[in-house]
Protein backbone atom coordinates (compact mmCIF):
# COMPACT_ATOMS: atom_id res chain seq x y z
CA MET A 1 132.19 51.30 -76.80
CA ALA A 2 134.77 49.87 -74.44
CA SER A 3 137.05 52.86 -74.97
CA LEU A 4 134.10 55.20 -74.35
CA ALA A 5 133.34 53.38 -71.10
CA ARG A 6 136.97 53.72 -70.02
CA LEU A 7 136.84 57.44 -70.81
CA ARG A 8 133.73 57.86 -68.67
CA VAL A 9 135.37 55.99 -65.79
CA SER A 10 138.57 58.04 -66.07
CA ARG A 11 136.56 61.25 -65.88
CA ARG A 12 135.01 60.06 -62.65
CA LEU A 13 138.25 58.93 -61.04
CA PRO A 14 139.38 62.34 -59.70
CA GLN A 15 136.19 62.50 -57.66
CA LEU A 16 137.35 59.40 -55.78
CA ALA A 17 140.47 61.17 -54.47
CA ARG A 18 140.49 61.84 -50.75
CA ALA A 19 139.40 65.33 -49.85
CA ILE A 20 141.55 67.66 -47.78
CA GLN A 21 140.72 67.78 -44.09
CA THR A 22 139.50 71.24 -43.05
CA SER A 23 138.73 70.72 -39.38
CA ALA A 24 140.74 72.90 -37.03
CA ASP A 25 141.28 70.36 -34.25
CA THR A 26 142.25 66.96 -35.69
CA THR A 27 145.95 67.00 -34.70
CA GLN A 28 146.77 64.45 -32.00
CA LEU A 29 149.49 64.08 -29.41
CA ALA A 30 152.03 61.47 -30.48
CA SER A 31 152.87 60.99 -26.81
CA PRO A 32 151.94 63.03 -23.71
CA PRO A 33 154.59 65.66 -22.91
CA THR A 34 156.46 65.00 -19.68
CA ASP A 35 158.25 68.35 -19.52
CA LEU A 36 156.34 71.35 -20.91
CA SER A 37 159.54 73.36 -21.17
CA GLN A 38 160.76 70.98 -23.89
CA PRO A 39 159.49 70.37 -27.43
CA PHE A 40 157.00 67.54 -27.86
CA THR A 41 155.64 65.65 -30.85
CA VAL A 42 152.16 65.84 -32.33
CA LYS A 43 150.72 64.10 -35.37
CA LEU A 44 148.67 65.90 -37.99
CA HIS A 45 145.62 64.27 -39.57
CA GLU A 46 146.56 62.08 -42.53
CA ASP A 47 144.47 64.28 -44.85
CA SER A 48 146.03 67.58 -43.77
CA PHE A 49 147.98 67.76 -47.06
CA ARG A 50 147.63 66.70 -50.67
CA GLY A 51 150.59 66.83 -53.01
CA TYR A 52 150.89 67.43 -56.74
CA GLN A 53 154.23 66.28 -58.20
CA CYS A 54 155.78 66.48 -54.74
CA ASP A 55 155.80 64.63 -51.43
CA ILE A 56 153.77 65.99 -48.54
CA PRO A 57 155.33 67.30 -45.30
CA ASP A 58 155.96 64.93 -42.42
CA LEU A 59 152.81 64.44 -40.35
CA GLU A 60 154.79 64.13 -37.10
CA VAL A 61 155.73 67.61 -35.95
CA GLU A 62 157.63 69.07 -33.02
CA VAL A 63 156.00 71.99 -31.21
CA THR A 64 156.52 73.81 -27.93
CA LYS A 65 154.19 75.30 -25.38
CA ASP A 66 155.51 78.80 -26.05
CA GLN A 67 155.00 78.44 -29.80
CA LEU A 68 151.38 77.37 -29.47
CA LEU A 69 150.54 80.02 -26.88
CA GLY A 70 152.29 82.65 -29.01
CA MET A 71 150.26 81.70 -32.08
CA TYR A 72 147.06 81.69 -30.02
CA LYS A 73 147.79 85.22 -28.80
CA GLN A 74 148.54 86.41 -32.33
CA MET A 75 145.38 84.87 -33.79
CA THR A 76 143.12 86.31 -31.10
CA THR A 77 144.76 89.73 -31.45
CA MET A 78 144.39 89.74 -35.24
CA ARG A 79 140.74 88.78 -34.95
CA ARG A 80 140.13 91.52 -32.38
CA MET A 81 141.77 94.02 -34.71
CA GLU A 82 139.55 92.98 -37.62
CA MET A 83 136.46 93.06 -35.40
CA ALA A 84 137.41 96.61 -34.37
CA ALA A 85 137.72 97.57 -38.04
CA ASP A 86 134.29 96.08 -38.65
CA ALA A 87 132.79 98.19 -35.85
CA LEU A 88 134.54 101.37 -37.02
CA TYR A 89 133.29 100.85 -40.56
CA LYS A 90 129.73 100.36 -39.39
CA ALA A 91 130.09 103.56 -37.34
CA LYS A 92 131.10 105.30 -40.63
CA LEU A 93 134.51 106.21 -39.26
CA ILE A 94 136.15 104.04 -41.92
CA ARG A 95 135.09 104.74 -45.50
CA GLY A 96 135.87 103.16 -48.84
CA PHE A 97 137.12 99.64 -49.37
CA CYS A 98 137.68 97.37 -46.39
CA HIS A 99 138.23 93.60 -46.65
CA LEU A 100 138.50 91.63 -43.41
CA ALA A 101 140.17 88.28 -42.75
CA ILE A 102 138.02 87.02 -39.87
CA GLY A 103 138.12 83.21 -40.05
CA GLN A 104 141.40 83.07 -41.99
CA GLU A 105 143.78 83.81 -39.11
CA ALA A 106 145.55 80.44 -39.30
CA VAL A 107 146.96 81.39 -42.71
CA SER A 108 148.62 84.69 -41.77
CA VAL A 109 149.80 83.59 -38.32
CA GLY A 110 150.90 80.17 -39.52
CA MET A 111 152.84 81.76 -42.36
CA GLU A 112 154.64 84.17 -40.07
CA ALA A 113 155.59 81.25 -37.80
CA GLY A 114 157.16 79.40 -40.73
CA ILE A 115 159.26 82.13 -42.38
CA THR A 116 162.11 84.48 -41.44
CA PRO A 117 162.40 88.29 -41.35
CA GLU A 118 164.45 88.12 -44.57
CA ASP A 119 161.60 86.51 -46.50
CA ARG A 120 159.15 88.71 -48.37
CA VAL A 121 155.35 88.62 -48.45
CA ILE A 122 152.96 90.28 -50.87
CA THR A 123 149.19 89.83 -50.93
CA SER A 124 145.91 91.30 -52.11
CA TYR A 125 143.60 93.67 -50.29
CA ARG A 126 142.77 91.26 -47.41
CA CYS A 127 146.05 92.29 -45.86
CA HIS A 128 145.68 93.73 -42.36
CA PRO A 129 147.05 90.78 -40.30
CA PHE A 130 150.05 90.36 -42.61
CA ALA A 131 150.92 94.06 -42.20
CA VAL A 132 151.03 93.76 -38.41
CA LEU A 133 152.83 90.41 -38.31
CA ARG A 134 155.47 91.62 -40.79
CA GLY A 135 156.61 94.47 -38.56
CA GLY A 136 153.69 96.89 -38.52
CA THR A 137 151.47 97.89 -35.62
CA ILE A 138 147.79 97.62 -34.81
CA LYS A 139 147.50 101.37 -34.37
CA GLY A 140 149.27 101.78 -37.70
CA VAL A 141 146.72 99.60 -39.47
CA ILE A 142 143.68 101.10 -37.73
CA GLY A 143 145.06 104.59 -38.25
CA GLU A 144 145.48 103.88 -41.95
CA LEU A 145 141.90 102.65 -42.20
CA LEU A 146 140.73 105.83 -40.47
CA GLY A 147 142.86 108.01 -42.77
CA ARG A 148 145.03 109.43 -39.98
CA GLN A 149 148.66 110.51 -39.85
CA ILE A 150 149.51 107.68 -37.46
CA GLY A 151 148.63 105.18 -40.19
CA MET A 152 151.33 102.99 -41.71
CA SER A 153 150.98 104.92 -45.00
CA HIS A 154 150.32 108.16 -43.08
CA GLY A 155 146.61 107.94 -43.77
CA LYS A 156 147.00 108.21 -47.54
CA GLY A 157 146.86 104.57 -48.62
CA GLY A 158 143.81 103.14 -46.92
CA SER A 159 142.89 99.53 -46.37
CA MET A 160 144.54 98.13 -49.48
CA HIS A 161 147.89 99.94 -49.40
CA ILE A 162 149.87 99.13 -46.27
CA PHE A 163 153.54 98.21 -46.36
CA THR A 164 156.61 97.34 -44.28
CA PRO A 165 160.21 96.67 -45.39
CA SER A 166 159.41 92.94 -45.70
CA PHE A 167 155.72 93.23 -46.63
CA PHE A 168 154.98 94.58 -50.09
CA GLY A 169 151.42 95.31 -49.36
CA GLY A 170 147.96 94.90 -49.94
CA ASN A 171 147.32 95.47 -53.60
CA GLY A 172 143.97 96.61 -54.95
CA ILE A 173 144.14 95.23 -58.50
CA VAL A 174 142.93 91.65 -58.57
CA GLY A 175 145.85 89.27 -59.16
CA ALA A 176 148.37 92.05 -59.86
CA GLN A 177 150.44 91.19 -56.79
CA VAL A 178 151.33 87.75 -58.20
CA PRO A 179 153.71 88.91 -60.97
CA LEU A 180 155.02 91.54 -58.56
CA GLY A 181 155.82 88.71 -56.14
CA ALA A 182 157.65 86.86 -58.90
CA GLY A 183 159.63 90.04 -59.53
CA ILE A 184 160.57 90.33 -55.86
CA ALA A 185 161.72 86.71 -55.93
CA PHE A 186 163.78 87.49 -59.05
CA ALA A 187 165.47 90.34 -57.15
CA GLN A 188 166.26 87.95 -54.28
CA GLN A 189 167.78 85.48 -56.70
CA TYR A 190 169.70 88.20 -58.54
CA MET A 191 171.20 89.50 -55.30
CA ASN A 192 171.99 85.97 -54.04
CA LYS A 193 169.69 86.28 -51.04
CA ASP A 194 168.85 83.10 -49.17
CA ALA A 195 165.21 84.03 -48.86
CA ALA A 196 161.85 83.37 -50.48
CA THR A 197 158.90 85.48 -51.57
CA PHE A 198 155.38 84.37 -50.73
CA ALA A 199 152.91 85.80 -53.24
CA LEU A 200 149.34 85.37 -52.00
CA TYR A 201 146.12 85.59 -53.96
CA GLY A 202 142.59 84.29 -53.59
CA ASP A 203 140.61 81.68 -55.45
CA GLY A 204 138.76 84.56 -57.12
CA ALA A 205 142.02 85.86 -58.64
CA SER A 206 143.28 82.44 -59.66
CA ASN A 207 141.85 82.68 -63.19
CA GLN A 208 143.69 85.91 -64.02
CA GLY A 209 146.02 85.58 -66.99
CA GLN A 210 148.86 87.37 -65.22
CA VAL A 211 148.87 84.64 -62.56
CA PHE A 212 149.73 82.02 -65.18
CA GLU A 213 152.27 84.32 -66.80
CA ALA A 214 153.97 84.66 -63.42
CA TYR A 215 153.97 80.86 -63.02
CA ASN A 216 155.73 80.52 -66.36
CA MET A 217 158.45 83.05 -65.65
CA ALA A 218 159.01 81.71 -62.13
CA LYS A 219 159.50 78.16 -63.38
CA LEU A 220 161.53 79.24 -66.41
CA TRP A 221 164.03 80.96 -64.11
CA ASN A 222 163.46 78.70 -61.08
CA LEU A 223 162.72 81.67 -58.85
CA PRO A 224 162.46 81.26 -55.04
CA CYS A 225 158.77 82.14 -55.19
CA VAL A 226 155.94 80.40 -53.33
CA PHE A 227 152.57 81.10 -54.92
CA VAL A 228 149.94 80.91 -52.20
CA CYS A 229 146.25 80.58 -53.02
CA GLU A 230 144.01 81.42 -50.07
CA ASN A 231 140.99 79.42 -51.14
CA ASN A 232 138.18 80.72 -48.93
CA LYS A 233 135.60 79.12 -51.25
CA TYR A 234 134.13 82.35 -52.64
CA GLY A 235 135.56 84.95 -55.02
CA MET A 236 133.49 88.00 -54.14
CA GLY A 237 129.98 86.52 -54.44
CA THR A 238 130.79 83.57 -56.66
CA SER A 239 131.60 80.09 -55.40
CA ALA A 240 134.77 78.45 -56.66
CA GLU A 241 132.75 75.76 -58.42
CA ARG A 242 130.84 78.34 -60.47
CA SER A 243 133.95 80.21 -61.62
CA SER A 244 136.68 77.59 -62.02
CA SER A 245 136.72 74.43 -64.11
CA ASN A 246 139.57 73.16 -61.94
CA THR A 247 139.07 73.99 -58.27
CA GLU A 248 142.19 72.08 -57.18
CA TYR A 249 144.25 75.24 -57.33
CA PHE A 250 147.43 73.55 -56.15
CA THR A 251 147.53 71.55 -59.42
CA ARG A 252 147.35 74.55 -61.72
CA GLY A 253 151.05 75.29 -61.96
CA ASP A 254 151.73 72.90 -64.87
CA LYS A 255 155.37 72.04 -64.16
CA ILE A 256 155.34 73.74 -60.77
CA PRO A 257 154.58 71.23 -57.99
CA GLY A 258 151.83 72.06 -55.54
CA LEU A 259 150.61 71.34 -52.05
CA GLN A 260 147.05 71.62 -50.78
CA VAL A 261 146.81 72.37 -47.05
CA ASN A 262 144.22 72.41 -44.29
CA GLY A 263 144.15 76.17 -43.82
CA MET A 264 142.06 75.97 -40.64
CA ASP A 265 144.68 74.09 -38.57
CA ILE A 266 147.44 76.45 -37.48
CA ILE A 267 149.97 73.62 -37.06
CA ALA A 268 149.33 72.37 -40.59
CA THR A 269 149.71 75.84 -42.10
CA ARG A 270 152.97 76.45 -40.26
CA GLU A 271 154.42 73.14 -41.41
CA ALA A 272 153.36 73.72 -45.00
CA VAL A 273 155.08 77.11 -45.05
CA LYS A 274 158.25 75.67 -43.52
CA TYR A 275 158.17 72.93 -46.17
CA ALA A 276 157.72 75.51 -48.94
CA ARG A 277 160.57 77.66 -47.67
CA LYS A 278 162.90 74.66 -47.51
CA TRP A 279 161.84 73.69 -51.03
CA THR A 280 162.65 77.09 -52.53
CA VAL A 281 165.53 78.39 -50.37
CA GLU A 282 167.45 75.44 -48.96
CA ASP A 283 166.83 72.79 -51.61
CA LYS A 284 166.69 75.36 -54.45
CA LYS A 285 164.02 73.43 -56.36
CA GLY A 286 162.39 76.53 -57.78
CA PRO A 287 158.83 77.76 -57.23
CA LEU A 288 156.05 75.92 -55.41
CA LEU A 289 152.28 76.36 -55.19
CA LEU A 290 150.49 76.28 -51.87
CA GLU A 291 146.71 76.19 -51.58
CA PHE A 292 145.29 76.91 -48.14
CA VAL A 293 141.69 75.73 -47.93
CA THR A 294 140.16 78.22 -45.50
CA TYR A 295 136.96 80.20 -44.96
CA ARG A 296 135.96 83.81 -44.42
CA TYR A 297 133.08 84.46 -42.02
CA GLY A 298 132.20 87.90 -43.31
CA GLY A 299 131.43 89.15 -46.79
CA HIS A 300 134.00 89.77 -49.48
CA SER A 301 134.16 93.37 -48.28
CA MET A 302 132.20 95.48 -45.82
CA SER A 303 129.68 96.31 -48.53
CA ASP A 304 128.88 92.62 -48.98
CA PRO A 305 126.58 91.02 -46.38
CA GLY A 306 127.96 87.64 -47.36
CA THR A 307 124.63 85.85 -47.17
CA THR A 308 123.17 86.29 -50.66
CA TYR A 309 125.27 83.51 -52.18
CA ARG A 310 125.57 81.23 -49.15
CA THR A 311 123.30 80.47 -46.22
CA ARG A 312 123.62 81.83 -42.72
CA GLU A 313 123.54 78.22 -41.57
CA GLU A 314 126.69 77.46 -43.56
CA VAL A 315 128.58 80.35 -42.00
CA GLN A 316 127.39 79.43 -38.51
CA ARG A 317 128.37 75.80 -39.04
CA MET A 318 131.90 76.82 -40.01
CA ARG A 319 132.15 79.16 -37.03
CA SER A 320 131.00 76.51 -34.58
CA THR A 321 132.82 73.46 -35.93
CA GLN A 322 135.96 74.57 -37.80
CA ASP A 323 137.11 77.83 -36.25
CA PRO A 324 140.95 78.01 -36.27
CA ILE A 325 141.20 79.81 -32.93
CA ARG A 326 138.86 77.41 -31.17
CA GLY A 327 140.79 74.51 -32.68
CA LEU A 328 144.08 75.76 -31.24
CA GLN A 329 142.34 76.48 -27.94
CA ARG A 330 141.27 72.86 -27.75
CA TYR A 331 144.84 71.66 -28.38
CA ILE A 332 146.21 73.91 -25.65
CA GLU A 333 143.64 72.88 -23.07
CA GLU A 334 143.59 69.15 -23.85
CA TRP A 335 147.36 68.89 -23.95
CA GLY A 336 147.64 70.63 -20.58
CA LEU A 337 149.53 73.69 -21.82
CA ALA A 338 147.19 76.29 -20.28
CA THR A 339 143.83 76.44 -18.53
CA GLU A 340 140.63 77.91 -19.89
CA GLN A 341 141.00 80.86 -17.53
CA GLU A 342 144.54 81.55 -18.69
CA LEU A 343 143.37 81.62 -22.30
CA LYS A 344 140.49 83.92 -21.39
CA GLN A 345 143.05 86.28 -19.89
CA LEU A 346 144.96 86.26 -23.19
CA ASP A 347 141.70 87.14 -24.93
CA LYS A 348 141.14 90.04 -22.53
CA ASN A 349 144.69 91.25 -23.07
CA ALA A 350 144.20 91.15 -26.84
CA LYS A 351 140.99 93.16 -26.58
CA ALA A 352 142.65 95.74 -24.33
CA GLU A 353 145.61 96.06 -26.71
CA VAL A 354 143.33 96.61 -29.71
CA ASP A 355 141.03 99.01 -27.83
CA ALA A 356 144.03 101.14 -26.82
CA ALA A 357 145.33 101.14 -30.41
CA VAL A 358 141.91 102.24 -31.70
CA GLU A 359 141.75 105.18 -29.31
CA GLU A 360 145.27 106.27 -30.20
CA ALA A 361 144.47 106.04 -33.90
CA LYS A 362 141.24 108.01 -33.52
CA ALA A 363 143.13 110.76 -31.69
CA SER A 364 145.62 111.16 -34.52
CA PRO A 365 145.01 114.08 -36.94
CA GLU A 366 144.16 113.68 -40.60
CA PRO A 367 146.90 114.29 -43.19
CA LEU A 368 147.58 117.90 -44.11
CA LEU A 369 147.03 119.23 -47.62
CA LYS A 370 150.77 119.58 -48.15
CA ASP A 371 151.16 115.87 -47.45
CA LEU A 372 149.63 115.15 -50.86
CA TRP A 373 153.05 115.92 -52.38
CA THR A 374 155.07 113.64 -50.08
CA ASP A 375 155.72 109.88 -49.95
CA ILE A 376 155.40 109.55 -53.70
CA TYR A 377 158.77 107.78 -53.72
CA TYR A 378 160.39 105.60 -51.08
CA LYS A 379 162.38 107.76 -48.69
CA GLY A 380 165.92 108.31 -49.97
CA THR A 381 165.04 107.55 -53.60
CA GLU A 382 163.25 110.78 -54.49
CA PRO A 383 164.30 112.56 -57.72
CA PRO A 384 165.36 116.21 -57.44
CA TYR A 385 161.94 117.32 -58.74
CA MET A 386 158.41 115.97 -59.04
CA ARG A 387 156.63 116.23 -62.37
CA GLY A 388 153.07 117.43 -62.60
CA ARG A 389 152.35 118.29 -58.99
CA GLU A 390 150.72 121.48 -60.22
CA ARG A 391 149.67 122.39 -63.75
CA GLU A 392 152.22 125.18 -64.15
CA GLU A 393 155.05 123.15 -62.71
CA GLY A 394 154.23 120.15 -64.87
CA SER A 395 154.30 122.28 -67.99
CA THR A 396 157.58 123.97 -67.05
CA THR A 397 159.22 120.69 -66.05
CA THR A 398 158.17 118.99 -69.26
CA LYS A 399 159.65 121.78 -71.37
CA ARG A 400 162.91 121.61 -69.36
CA HIS A 401 163.12 117.85 -69.95
CA ILE A 402 162.69 118.34 -73.70
CA VAL A 403 165.53 120.89 -73.79
CA LEU A 404 167.83 118.68 -71.70
CA TYR A 405 167.07 115.68 -73.92
CA ARG A 406 167.88 117.61 -77.12
CA LEU A 407 171.12 118.95 -75.64
CA SER A 408 172.26 115.48 -74.64
CA SER A 409 171.39 113.80 -77.95
């Protein structure tokens, strides 16, 4: 009986662990800045991180006025872009799949602030901000959503297939980008690159078998791969608690250490990414798991109203109390870095930039029929012929390959 009682107590113990802080505005000034042209120190909330088999990042962080204003501009611009996509979809100018990241801006912008151009990023279909921040353009993303030639994939990829030299896309197959990310990290290691790959996936994809297979290979070979779970609480229309027996995703890597992060505080996300990069690249400790606890305001995709499995009150509460942009706005204003009017001007500038990009994208023509046969391979890597573009050609090419094979064997 005593052993049974101990078992019952041990099962309850994890519930006593401190929960991660998910407010967007709990970082405090360590001391008031005397010269705004110089870095100053702030202190993150003590529950901004939780570690699994690793220490947590330092809570005292150096920031600058330019860094915070730059991240504010990027977050407001990314949200304006996603809001424009929302409006274009509802106007039936965008068709097909479209997954927006409104509410999750602190993850993409914080990540970009913590990595280098040599690092690589790969994610799922909620990819638009990453595509812009990794070297793309707003008009390129909007144009791609509209299916126009100005799009980053020339209007042929759509919402889920946008790429840059350092961003390996949105990927439409749930969880498939995770082993691809491990492969990219393997290539970096093989070529002796001092860089990391950040492979992002959602809580909904976290139960995919290929995710755990990628964990195993990454740890076996100590790849410079950071597995990043964007836990926005809902996989499509299913809450994390209904789909996962272990919702502490940062602990799922077995022998891979993990870090849970307040994904609504831009300073916390940046510091977590910097910590992860140092872990994998500088300290060469192998892979690491990051879990950003965040929230999406809209549905899983544009076809999902997002209110059948959660209440409107819940969404409104998150918008009004834990919004990442409003949290950073509060820091900037309270710390005397900019006035409310100056930030409103940044908002207006972001809206004007996105509006101009939308008009340019809408004016771009649709792809031509002949464009169906181009961009199958990365430029410069095309074979001398394409198989199966047309029925006759495919048949002829196949026969030629058979003859060449027999002659060479």
